């Protein structure tokens, strides 16, 4: 097994290539995210319980709208927390196919791609000053994939929030393995 960086490792054996990417190395931030999620949940629960004590229709409407926003962000932060705490990306090449899975605690859909239909395996450059790129590389979001390939005209991205050097090393290793396979 070859360790690429703090978060990723590669295993090459016979005709098998396996890549595992962990979501985070900073446990302190994960703990802070849990505190944030816990307090957000408590705050929403308190507002929800007090909703039934309101008599003013305008106030009730305001609370319903506020709770809709609260529920949306509750879902988003819970999803990111579960990913950062229990998730990992898995990619493996075996028997003429590439498999990719975003797993959380052993669960996650495995996607299969035929190697003959894969093209344009590349590194995703970040644009300096681009708000979306900066935002997707922050700790508090799930996303920011740094590698991609095309499969039947569809872009498939993986390698969430990898540093440049780690992503480029992984790309080099995947390309090298794919070249070594018989045509």
N, C-alpha and C. Protein backbone atom coordinates (compact mmCIF):
# COMPACT_ATOMS: atom_id res chain seq x y z
N UNK A 1 0.85 -1.18 0.00
CA UNK A 1 0.00 0.00 0.00
C UNK A 1 0.90 1.24 0.00
N UNK A 2 0.49 2.22 -0.79
CA UNK A 2 1.24 3.46 -0.92
C UNK A 2 0.39 4.61 -0.36
N UNK A 3 0.93 5.29 0.63
CA UNK A 3 0.23 6.44 1.21
C UNK A 3 0.61 7.67 0.40
N UNK A 4 -0.38 8.38 -0.12
CA UNK A 4 -0.14 9.53 -0.99
C UNK A 4 -0.02 10.82 -0.18
N UNK A 5 -0.84 11.00 0.80
CA UNK A 5 -0.83 12.21 1.62
C UNK A 5 -1.45 11.89 2.96
N UNK A 6 -1.95 12.92 3.62
CA UNK A 6 -2.59 12.71 4.92
C UNK A 6 -3.89 11.92 4.79
N UNK A 7 -4.54 12.01 3.62
CA UNK A 7 -5.88 11.48 3.50
C UNK A 7 -6.07 10.37 2.49
N UNK A 8 -5.10 10.07 1.66
CA UNK A 8 -5.34 9.10 0.60
C UNK A 8 -4.26 8.03 0.54
N UNK A 9 -4.69 6.87 0.06
CA UNK A 9 -3.76 5.74 -0.10
C UNK A 9 -4.16 4.93 -1.33
N UNK A 10 -3.17 4.30 -1.93
CA UNK A 10 -3.36 3.51 -3.14
C UNK A 10 -2.79 2.11 -2.90
N UNK A 11 -3.52 1.14 -3.44
CA UNK A 11 -3.05 -0.25 -3.42
C UNK A 11 -3.09 -0.76 -4.85
N UNK A 12 -1.93 -1.25 -5.33
CA UNK A 12 -1.85 -1.85 -6.66
C UNK A 12 -1.41 -3.29 -6.49
N UNK A 13 -2.23 -4.20 -7.01
CA UNK A 13 -1.94 -5.63 -6.89
C UNK A 13 -2.41 -6.31 -8.15
N UNK A 14 -1.53 -7.01 -8.82
CA UNK A 14 -1.86 -7.72 -10.05
C UNK A 14 -2.63 -6.81 -11.00
N UNK A 15 -3.90 -7.08 -11.23
CA UNK A 15 -4.72 -6.27 -12.13
C UNK A 15 -5.78 -5.48 -11.36
N UNK A 16 -5.44 -5.13 -10.13
CA UNK A 16 -6.35 -4.38 -9.26
C UNK A 16 -5.69 -3.07 -8.84
N UNK A 17 -6.44 -2.00 -8.95
CA UNK A 17 -6.02 -0.69 -8.47
C UNK A 17 -7.08 -0.22 -7.50
N UNK A 18 -6.67 0.19 -6.31
CA UNK A 18 -7.62 0.64 -5.30
C UNK A 18 -7.15 1.96 -4.70
N UNK A 19 -8.06 2.91 -4.62
CA UNK A 19 -7.79 4.23 -4.05
C UNK A 19 -8.82 4.52 -2.97
N UNK A 20 -8.35 4.97 -1.81
CA UNK A 20 -9.24 5.37 -0.72
C UNK A 20 -8.86 6.80 -0.33
N UNK A 21 -9.86 7.67 -0.28
CA UNK A 21 -9.65 9.06 0.11
C UNK A 21 -10.53 9.36 1.32
N UNK A 22 -9.90 9.71 2.41
CA UNK A 22 -10.64 10.09 3.62
C UNK A 22 -11.03 11.56 3.52
N UNK A 23 -12.13 11.97 4.14
CA UNK A 23 -12.60 13.34 3.95
C UNK A 23 -11.83 14.42 4.72
N UNK A 24 -11.23 14.07 5.85
CA UNK A 24 -10.65 15.15 6.67
C UNK A 24 -9.54 14.60 7.56
N UNK A 25 -8.60 15.46 7.85
CA UNK A 25 -7.53 15.10 8.77
C UNK A 25 -7.65 15.89 10.07
N UNK A 26 -8.48 16.93 10.09
CA UNK A 26 -8.59 17.83 11.23
C UNK A 26 -9.80 17.46 12.10
N UNK A 27 -9.56 16.67 13.13
CA UNK A 27 -10.65 16.22 14.02
C UNK A 27 -11.22 17.37 14.85
N UNK A 28 -10.42 18.39 15.13
CA UNK A 28 -10.90 19.53 15.91
C UNK A 28 -12.05 20.24 15.19
N UNK A 29 -11.89 20.42 13.87
CA UNK A 29 -12.95 21.07 13.09
C UNK A 29 -14.20 20.19 13.03
N UNK A 30 -14.03 18.88 12.97
CA UNK A 30 -15.19 17.98 12.97
C UNK A 30 -15.94 18.12 14.30
N UNK A 31 -15.21 18.21 15.40
CA UNK A 31 -15.85 18.40 16.70
C UNK A 31 -16.57 19.74 16.78
N UNK A 32 -15.97 20.79 16.21
CA UNK A 32 -16.64 22.10 16.18
C UNK A 32 -17.91 22.03 15.33
N UNK A 33 -17.84 21.27 14.23
CA UNK A 33 -19.02 21.12 13.39
C UNK A 33 -20.13 20.39 14.16
N UNK A 34 -19.77 19.42 14.98
CA UNK A 34 -20.76 18.72 15.79
C UNK A 34 -21.42 19.69 16.78
N UNK A 35 -20.62 20.53 17.42
CA UNK A 35 -21.17 21.52 18.36
C UNK A 35 -22.13 22.44 17.63
N UNK A 36 -21.73 22.91 16.45
CA UNK A 36 -22.59 23.77 15.63
C UNK A 36 -23.91 23.05 15.30
N UNK A 37 -23.83 21.83 14.84
CA UNK A 37 -25.02 21.05 14.51
C UNK A 37 -25.91 20.85 15.73
N UNK A 38 -25.31 20.53 16.86
CA UNK A 38 -26.06 20.32 18.10
C UNK A 38 -26.80 21.59 18.52
N UNK A 39 -26.11 22.71 18.51
CA UNK A 39 -26.74 23.97 18.91
C UNK A 39 -27.81 24.41 17.90
N UNK A 40 -27.55 24.18 16.61
CA UNK A 40 -28.54 24.51 15.58
C UNK A 40 -29.81 23.67 15.79
N UNK A 41 -29.63 22.40 16.11
CA UNK A 41 -30.77 21.51 16.35
C UNK A 41 -31.57 21.97 17.56
N UNK A 42 -30.88 22.28 18.64
CA UNK A 42 -31.55 22.75 19.87
C UNK A 42 -32.32 24.05 19.59
N UNK A 43 -31.67 24.98 18.88
CA UNK A 43 -32.33 26.25 18.57
C UNK A 43 -33.60 26.05 17.76
N UNK A 44 -33.55 25.20 16.77
CA UNK A 44 -34.73 24.92 15.96
C UNK A 44 -35.83 24.25 16.76
N UNK A 45 -35.43 23.35 17.63
CA UNK A 45 -36.41 22.67 18.48
C UNK A 45 -37.11 23.65 19.41
N UNK A 46 -36.36 24.57 19.98
CA UNK A 46 -36.95 25.58 20.88
C UNK A 46 -37.95 26.45 20.12
N UNK A 47 -37.59 26.89 18.93
CA UNK A 47 -38.50 27.72 18.12
C UNK A 47 -39.76 26.92 17.76
N UNK A 48 -39.58 25.65 17.39
CA UNK A 48 -40.72 24.80 17.02
C UNK A 48 -41.68 24.61 18.19
N UNK A 49 -41.16 24.34 19.37
CA UNK A 49 -42.01 24.15 20.55
C UNK A 49 -42.79 25.43 20.88
N UNK A 50 -42.13 26.57 20.74
CA UNK A 50 -42.79 27.83 21.06
C UNK A 50 -43.76 28.30 19.98
N UNK A 51 -43.71 27.69 18.82
CA UNK A 51 -44.64 28.04 17.75
C UNK A 51 -46.09 27.85 18.21
N UNK A 52 -46.36 26.84 18.99
CA UNK A 52 -47.72 26.53 19.42
C UNK A 52 -48.25 27.50 20.46
N UNK A 53 -47.38 28.31 21.03
CA UNK A 53 -47.80 29.31 22.01
C UNK A 53 -48.16 30.64 21.35
N UNK A 54 -47.84 30.78 20.07
CA UNK A 54 -48.11 32.04 19.37
C UNK A 54 -49.59 32.15 19.00
N UNK A 55 -50.11 33.36 19.12
CA UNK A 55 -51.50 33.60 18.73
C UNK A 55 -51.59 34.52 17.52
N UNK A 56 -50.60 35.35 17.30
CA UNK A 56 -50.58 36.27 16.18
C UNK A 56 -50.28 35.50 14.88
N UNK A 57 -51.16 35.65 13.88
CA UNK A 57 -51.01 34.92 12.61
C UNK A 57 -49.74 35.32 11.87
N UNK A 58 -49.38 36.59 11.90
CA UNK A 58 -48.16 37.05 11.23
C UNK A 58 -46.92 36.41 11.86
N UNK A 59 -46.91 36.34 13.17
CA UNK A 59 -45.77 35.71 13.87
C UNK A 59 -45.70 34.23 13.55
N UNK A 60 -46.85 33.58 13.48
CA UNK A 60 -46.87 32.15 13.14
C UNK A 60 -46.35 31.91 11.73
N UNK A 61 -46.75 32.77 10.80
CA UNK A 61 -46.27 32.65 9.42
C UNK A 61 -44.75 32.85 9.36
N UNK A 62 -44.27 33.85 10.10
CA UNK A 62 -42.83 34.09 10.15
C UNK A 62 -42.09 32.87 10.68
N UNK A 63 -42.59 32.27 11.73
CA UNK A 63 -41.93 31.10 12.33
C UNK A 63 -41.95 29.92 11.37
N UNK A 64 -43.03 29.73 10.65
CA UNK A 64 -43.10 28.64 9.66
C UNK A 64 -42.03 28.83 8.59
N UNK A 65 -41.91 30.06 8.09
CA UNK A 65 -40.89 30.35 7.08
C UNK A 65 -39.49 30.15 7.67
N UNK A 66 -39.28 30.63 8.88
CA UNK A 66 -37.98 30.46 9.54
C UNK A 66 -37.66 28.98 9.73
N UNK A 67 -38.65 28.18 10.13
CA UNK A 67 -38.43 26.74 10.32
C UNK A 67 -38.12 26.03 9.00
N UNK A 68 -38.67 26.52 7.90
CA UNK A 68 -38.34 25.93 6.60
C UNK A 68 -36.86 26.14 6.30
N UNK A 69 -36.37 27.36 6.49
CA UNK A 69 -34.94 27.62 6.30
C UNK A 69 -34.11 26.82 7.29
N UNK A 70 -34.54 26.76 8.53
CA UNK A 70 -33.82 26.00 9.55
C UNK A 70 -33.70 24.53 9.14
N UNK A 71 -34.80 23.93 8.67
CA UNK A 71 -34.78 22.52 8.28
C UNK A 71 -33.82 22.29 7.11
N UNK A 72 -33.81 23.20 6.15
CA UNK A 72 -32.90 23.08 5.01
C UNK A 72 -31.44 23.06 5.48
N UNK A 73 -31.07 24.01 6.31
CA UNK A 73 -29.69 24.07 6.78
C UNK A 73 -29.37 22.96 7.79
N UNK A 74 -30.36 22.50 8.51
CA UNK A 74 -30.17 21.34 9.39
C UNK A 74 -29.77 20.12 8.55
N UNK A 75 -30.49 19.91 7.46
CA UNK A 75 -30.19 18.80 6.56
C UNK A 75 -28.79 18.94 5.97
N UNK A 76 -28.47 20.15 5.48
CA UNK A 76 -27.17 20.37 4.83
C UNK A 76 -26.01 20.14 5.79
N UNK A 77 -26.08 20.68 6.99
CA UNK A 77 -24.96 20.54 7.92
C UNK A 77 -24.88 19.12 8.47
N UNK A 78 -26.01 18.46 8.65
CA UNK A 78 -25.98 17.06 9.11
C UNK A 78 -25.33 16.18 8.05
N UNK A 79 -25.64 16.44 6.81
CA UNK A 79 -25.05 15.68 5.70
C UNK A 79 -23.53 15.87 5.64
N UNK A 80 -23.08 17.10 5.78
CA UNK A 80 -21.64 17.37 5.76
C UNK A 80 -20.97 16.75 6.99
N UNK A 81 -21.60 16.88 8.15
CA UNK A 81 -21.01 16.30 9.36
C UNK A 81 -20.85 14.79 9.23
N UNK A 82 -21.89 14.11 8.76
CA UNK A 82 -21.79 12.65 8.60
C UNK A 82 -20.69 12.29 7.61
N UNK A 83 -20.57 13.06 6.54
CA UNK A 83 -19.50 12.80 5.57
C UNK A 83 -18.13 12.99 6.20
N UNK A 84 -17.93 14.11 6.88
CA UNK A 84 -16.62 14.41 7.47
C UNK A 84 -16.26 13.42 8.58
N UNK A 85 -17.25 12.94 9.29
CA UNK A 85 -17.00 12.05 10.42
C UNK A 85 -16.86 10.59 10.01
N UNK A 86 -17.74 10.12 9.10
CA UNK A 86 -17.79 8.68 8.81
C UNK A 86 -17.58 8.32 7.34
N UNK A 87 -17.33 9.30 6.49
CA UNK A 87 -17.29 9.03 5.05
C UNK A 87 -15.91 8.74 4.50
N UNK A 88 -15.90 8.23 3.27
CA UNK A 88 -14.67 8.07 2.50
C UNK A 88 -15.04 7.81 1.05
N UNK A 89 -14.15 8.18 0.17
CA UNK A 89 -14.32 7.91 -1.25
C UNK A 89 -13.49 6.68 -1.59
N UNK A 90 -14.08 5.80 -2.37
CA UNK A 90 -13.37 4.61 -2.82
C UNK A 90 -13.45 4.56 -4.34
N UNK A 91 -12.33 4.27 -4.96
CA UNK A 91 -12.27 4.10 -6.40
C UNK A 91 -11.40 2.89 -6.65
N UNK A 92 -11.87 1.97 -7.48
CA UNK A 92 -11.05 0.81 -7.81
C UNK A 92 -11.29 0.39 -9.24
N UNK A 93 -10.23 -0.17 -9.82
CA UNK A 93 -10.26 -0.66 -11.20
C UNK A 93 -10.05 -2.16 -11.13
N UNK A 94 -10.99 -2.88 -11.75
CA UNK A 94 -10.94 -4.34 -11.69
C UNK A 94 -11.76 -4.90 -12.85
N UNK A 95 -11.25 -5.91 -13.50
CA UNK A 95 -11.96 -6.63 -14.56
C UNK A 95 -12.52 -5.70 -15.65
N UNK A 96 -11.72 -4.75 -16.10
CA UNK A 96 -12.14 -3.90 -17.21
C UNK A 96 -13.16 -2.84 -16.85
N UNK A 97 -13.32 -2.57 -15.57
CA UNK A 97 -14.29 -1.56 -15.14
C UNK A 97 -13.69 -0.71 -14.02
N UNK A 98 -14.17 0.52 -13.94
CA UNK A 98 -13.79 1.41 -12.85
C UNK A 98 -15.03 1.54 -11.95
N UNK A 99 -14.83 1.36 -10.67
CA UNK A 99 -15.91 1.45 -9.69
C UNK A 99 -15.63 2.65 -8.79
N UNK A 100 -16.70 3.37 -8.45
CA UNK A 100 -16.56 4.54 -7.58
C UNK A 100 -17.69 4.53 -6.56
N UNK A 101 -17.30 4.82 -5.30
CA UNK A 101 -18.29 4.82 -4.23
C UNK A 101 -17.98 5.93 -3.24
N UNK A 102 -19.01 6.67 -2.86
CA UNK A 102 -18.93 7.60 -1.73
C UNK A 102 -19.62 6.89 -0.57
N UNK A 103 -18.82 6.45 0.36
CA UNK A 103 -19.32 5.59 1.43
C UNK A 103 -19.41 6.35 2.75
N UNK A 104 -20.50 6.15 3.46
CA UNK A 104 -20.65 6.66 4.82
C UNK A 104 -20.99 5.48 5.70
N UNK A 105 -20.10 5.15 6.61
CA UNK A 105 -20.27 4.01 7.53
C UNK A 105 -20.61 2.72 6.79
N UNK A 106 -19.90 2.44 5.72
CA UNK A 106 -20.10 1.18 4.99
C UNK A 106 -21.25 1.19 4.01
N UNK A 107 -21.95 2.30 3.88
CA UNK A 107 -23.09 2.38 2.98
C UNK A 107 -22.83 3.41 1.89
N UNK A 108 -23.30 3.12 0.71
CA UNK A 108 -23.15 4.05 -0.40
C UNK A 108 -23.29 3.31 -1.71
N UNK A 109 -23.83 3.98 -2.68
CA UNK A 109 -24.07 3.37 -3.98
C UNK A 109 -22.75 3.24 -4.74
N UNK A 110 -22.52 2.06 -5.30
CA UNK A 110 -21.33 1.82 -6.12
C UNK A 110 -21.70 2.09 -7.58
N UNK A 111 -20.94 2.97 -8.19
CA UNK A 111 -21.16 3.28 -9.60
C UNK A 111 -20.07 2.58 -10.42
N UNK A 112 -20.48 1.97 -11.53
CA UNK A 112 -19.56 1.21 -12.37
C UNK A 112 -19.43 1.89 -13.73
N UNK A 113 -18.19 2.00 -14.21
CA UNK A 113 -17.91 2.63 -15.49
C UNK A 113 -17.00 1.71 -16.31
N UNK A 114 -17.37 1.47 -17.55
CA UNK A 114 -16.58 0.65 -18.45
C UNK A 114 -15.30 1.41 -18.82
N UNK A 115 -14.14 0.77 -18.66
CA UNK A 115 -12.87 1.43 -18.95
C UNK A 115 -12.75 1.87 -20.41
N UNK A 116 -13.37 1.14 -21.31
CA UNK A 116 -13.30 1.48 -22.73
C UNK A 116 -14.06 2.77 -23.06
N UNK A 117 -14.98 3.17 -22.19
CA UNK A 117 -15.78 4.37 -22.44
C UNK A 117 -15.30 5.58 -21.64
N UNK A 118 -14.21 5.40 -20.89
CA UNK A 118 -13.66 6.48 -20.07
C UNK A 118 -12.62 7.23 -20.88
N UNK A 119 -12.71 8.56 -20.83
CA UNK A 119 -11.72 9.40 -21.52
C UNK A 119 -11.47 10.66 -20.71
N UNK A 120 -10.47 11.38 -21.10
CA UNK A 120 -10.17 12.71 -20.55
C UNK A 120 -10.05 12.70 -19.02
N UNK A 121 -9.25 11.78 -18.49
CA UNK A 121 -8.96 11.77 -17.06
C UNK A 121 -8.04 12.95 -16.78
N UNK A 122 -8.49 13.87 -15.92
CA UNK A 122 -7.72 15.09 -15.74
C UNK A 122 -7.85 15.68 -14.34
N UNK A 123 -6.95 16.62 -14.07
CA UNK A 123 -6.91 17.40 -12.84
C UNK A 123 -7.80 18.63 -13.03
N UNK A 124 -8.62 18.95 -12.03
CA UNK A 124 -9.50 20.12 -12.10
C UNK A 124 -8.78 21.30 -11.45
N UNK A 125 -8.45 22.28 -12.28
CA UNK A 125 -7.77 23.48 -11.79
C UNK A 125 -8.76 24.39 -11.06
N UNK A 126 -8.29 25.01 -10.00
CA UNK A 126 -9.09 26.01 -9.29
C UNK A 126 -8.72 27.39 -9.82
N UNK A 127 -9.73 28.20 -10.07
CA UNK A 127 -9.49 29.56 -10.54
C UNK A 127 -9.33 30.49 -9.35
N UNK A 128 -8.27 31.24 -9.33
CA UNK A 128 -8.06 32.20 -8.24
C UNK A 128 -9.15 33.27 -8.29
N UNK A 129 -9.74 33.55 -7.15
CA UNK A 129 -10.77 34.57 -7.08
C UNK A 129 -12.16 34.09 -7.46
N UNK A 130 -12.30 32.84 -7.90
CA UNK A 130 -13.61 32.30 -8.25
C UNK A 130 -14.34 31.92 -6.96
N UNK A 131 -15.46 32.56 -6.69
CA UNK A 131 -16.19 32.34 -5.44
C UNK A 131 -16.58 30.88 -5.26
N UNK A 132 -17.08 30.24 -6.32
CA UNK A 132 -17.52 28.85 -6.22
C UNK A 132 -16.36 27.92 -5.87
N UNK A 133 -15.21 28.13 -6.48
CA UNK A 133 -14.04 27.29 -6.18
C UNK A 133 -13.57 27.48 -4.75
N UNK A 134 -13.52 28.74 -4.30
CA UNK A 134 -13.10 29.01 -2.93
C UNK A 134 -14.09 28.40 -1.94
N UNK A 135 -15.37 28.59 -2.18
CA UNK A 135 -16.40 28.06 -1.29
C UNK A 135 -16.37 26.54 -1.23
N UNK A 136 -16.21 25.87 -2.37
CA UNK A 136 -16.20 24.41 -2.40
C UNK A 136 -14.96 23.79 -1.76
N UNK A 137 -13.93 24.58 -1.52
CA UNK A 137 -12.73 24.06 -0.87
C UNK A 137 -12.73 24.32 0.64
N UNK A 138 -13.79 24.96 1.14
CA UNK A 138 -13.85 25.20 2.58
C UNK A 138 -14.25 23.93 3.31
N UNK A 139 -13.91 23.89 4.57
CA UNK A 139 -14.17 22.70 5.38
C UNK A 139 -15.66 22.43 5.55
N UNK A 140 -16.47 23.45 5.55
CA UNK A 140 -17.86 23.36 5.96
C UNK A 140 -18.81 22.88 4.86
N UNK A 141 -18.28 22.51 3.71
CA UNK A 141 -19.13 22.01 2.62
C UNK A 141 -18.63 20.65 2.15
N UNK A 142 -19.54 19.91 1.53
CA UNK A 142 -19.20 18.63 0.91
C UNK A 142 -19.12 18.89 -0.58
N UNK A 143 -17.97 18.68 -1.15
CA UNK A 143 -17.79 18.96 -2.58
C UNK A 143 -16.36 19.33 -2.86
N UNK A 144 -16.13 20.06 -3.92
CA UNK A 144 -14.80 20.51 -4.27
C UNK A 144 -13.94 19.41 -4.87
N UNK A 145 -14.52 18.61 -5.76
CA UNK A 145 -13.78 17.51 -6.37
C UNK A 145 -12.64 18.05 -7.22
N UNK A 146 -11.50 17.38 -7.20
CA UNK A 146 -10.30 17.86 -7.88
C UNK A 146 -9.89 17.02 -9.08
N UNK A 147 -10.51 15.86 -9.29
CA UNK A 147 -10.19 14.99 -10.43
C UNK A 147 -11.48 14.66 -11.16
N UNK A 148 -11.37 14.45 -12.46
CA UNK A 148 -12.57 14.10 -13.22
C UNK A 148 -12.21 13.29 -14.45
N UNK A 149 -13.21 12.58 -14.96
CA UNK A 149 -13.08 11.88 -16.23
C UNK A 149 -14.42 11.95 -16.94
N UNK A 150 -14.39 11.68 -18.23
CA UNK A 150 -15.62 11.65 -19.02
C UNK A 150 -16.01 10.20 -19.25
N UNK A 151 -17.28 9.92 -19.12
CA UNK A 151 -17.83 8.60 -19.39
C UNK A 151 -19.11 8.80 -20.17
N UNK A 152 -19.10 8.44 -21.43
CA UNK A 152 -20.24 8.63 -22.32
C UNK A 152 -20.75 10.07 -22.27
N UNK A 153 -19.84 11.00 -22.45
CA UNK A 153 -20.13 12.45 -22.50
C UNK A 153 -20.58 13.04 -21.16
N UNK A 154 -20.49 12.29 -20.10
CA UNK A 154 -20.86 12.80 -18.78
C UNK A 154 -19.60 12.95 -17.94
N UNK A 155 -19.48 14.09 -17.26
CA UNK A 155 -18.32 14.35 -16.40
C UNK A 155 -18.55 13.70 -15.04
N UNK A 156 -17.59 12.89 -14.61
CA UNK A 156 -17.63 12.24 -13.30
C UNK A 156 -16.49 12.82 -12.49
N UNK A 157 -16.80 13.41 -11.35
CA UNK A 157 -15.78 14.04 -10.51
C UNK A 157 -15.60 13.26 -9.21
N UNK A 158 -14.35 13.27 -8.71
CA UNK A 158 -14.03 12.62 -7.45
C UNK A 158 -12.81 13.30 -6.83
N UNK A 159 -12.45 12.90 -5.64
CA UNK A 159 -11.30 13.49 -4.95
C UNK A 159 -11.65 14.80 -4.27
N UNK A 160 -12.64 14.76 -3.38
CA UNK A 160 -13.14 15.97 -2.75
C UNK A 160 -12.08 16.67 -1.90
N UNK A 161 -11.87 17.94 -2.21
CA UNK A 161 -11.03 18.87 -1.46
C UNK A 161 -9.59 18.38 -1.27
N UNK A 162 -9.08 17.68 -2.27
CA UNK A 162 -7.69 17.24 -2.21
C UNK A 162 -6.76 18.41 -2.49
N UNK A 163 -5.61 18.46 -1.83
CA UNK A 163 -4.61 19.46 -2.19
C UNK A 163 -4.05 19.17 -3.59
N UNK A 164 -3.53 20.18 -4.24
CA UNK A 164 -3.03 20.03 -5.61
C UNK A 164 -2.02 18.90 -5.76
N UNK A 165 -1.01 18.86 -4.89
CA UNK A 165 0.04 17.85 -5.03
C UNK A 165 -0.51 16.43 -4.86
N UNK A 166 -1.40 16.25 -3.93
CA UNK A 166 -2.00 14.93 -3.70
C UNK A 166 -2.85 14.50 -4.91
N UNK A 167 -3.66 15.43 -5.42
CA UNK A 167 -4.52 15.13 -6.57
C UNK A 167 -3.68 14.79 -7.80
N UNK A 168 -2.61 15.53 -8.03
CA UNK A 168 -1.75 15.27 -9.18
C UNK A 168 -1.03 13.94 -9.06
N UNK A 169 -0.62 13.58 -7.86
CA UNK A 169 0.03 12.27 -7.65
C UNK A 169 -0.95 11.14 -7.90
N UNK A 170 -2.17 11.28 -7.42
CA UNK A 170 -3.21 10.26 -7.64
C UNK A 170 -3.49 10.13 -9.13
N UNK A 171 -3.60 11.26 -9.82
CA UNK A 171 -3.85 11.24 -11.26
C UNK A 171 -2.73 10.50 -11.99
N UNK A 172 -1.51 10.78 -11.63
CA UNK A 172 -0.35 10.12 -12.26
C UNK A 172 -0.40 8.61 -12.03
N UNK A 173 -0.73 8.20 -10.81
CA UNK A 173 -0.80 6.76 -10.47
C UNK A 173 -1.92 6.06 -11.24
N UNK A 174 -3.08 6.71 -11.35
CA UNK A 174 -4.19 6.10 -12.08
C UNK A 174 -3.83 5.95 -13.56
N UNK A 175 -3.30 7.01 -14.14
CA UNK A 175 -2.90 6.96 -15.55
C UNK A 175 -1.86 5.86 -15.80
N UNK A 176 -0.89 5.77 -14.91
CA UNK A 176 0.17 4.78 -15.04
C UNK A 176 -0.43 3.37 -14.97
N UNK A 177 -1.38 3.15 -14.05
CA UNK A 177 -1.99 1.84 -13.94
C UNK A 177 -2.82 1.51 -15.18
N UNK A 178 -3.59 2.47 -15.67
CA UNK A 178 -4.43 2.23 -16.84
C UNK A 178 -3.59 1.92 -18.09
N UNK A 179 -2.42 2.55 -18.20
CA UNK A 179 -1.52 2.27 -19.34
C UNK A 179 -0.94 0.86 -19.25
N UNK A 180 -0.77 0.36 -18.03
CA UNK A 180 -0.18 -0.97 -17.85
C UNK A 180 -1.16 -2.12 -18.17
N UNK A 181 -2.45 -1.79 -18.24
CA UNK A 181 -3.44 -2.82 -18.54
C UNK A 181 -3.36 -3.23 -20.01
N UNK A 182 -3.59 -4.52 -20.30
CA UNK A 182 -3.60 -4.94 -21.70
C UNK A 182 -4.79 -4.32 -22.44
N UNK A 183 -4.58 -3.99 -23.68
CA UNK A 183 -5.62 -3.32 -24.48
C UNK A 183 -6.76 -4.22 -24.85
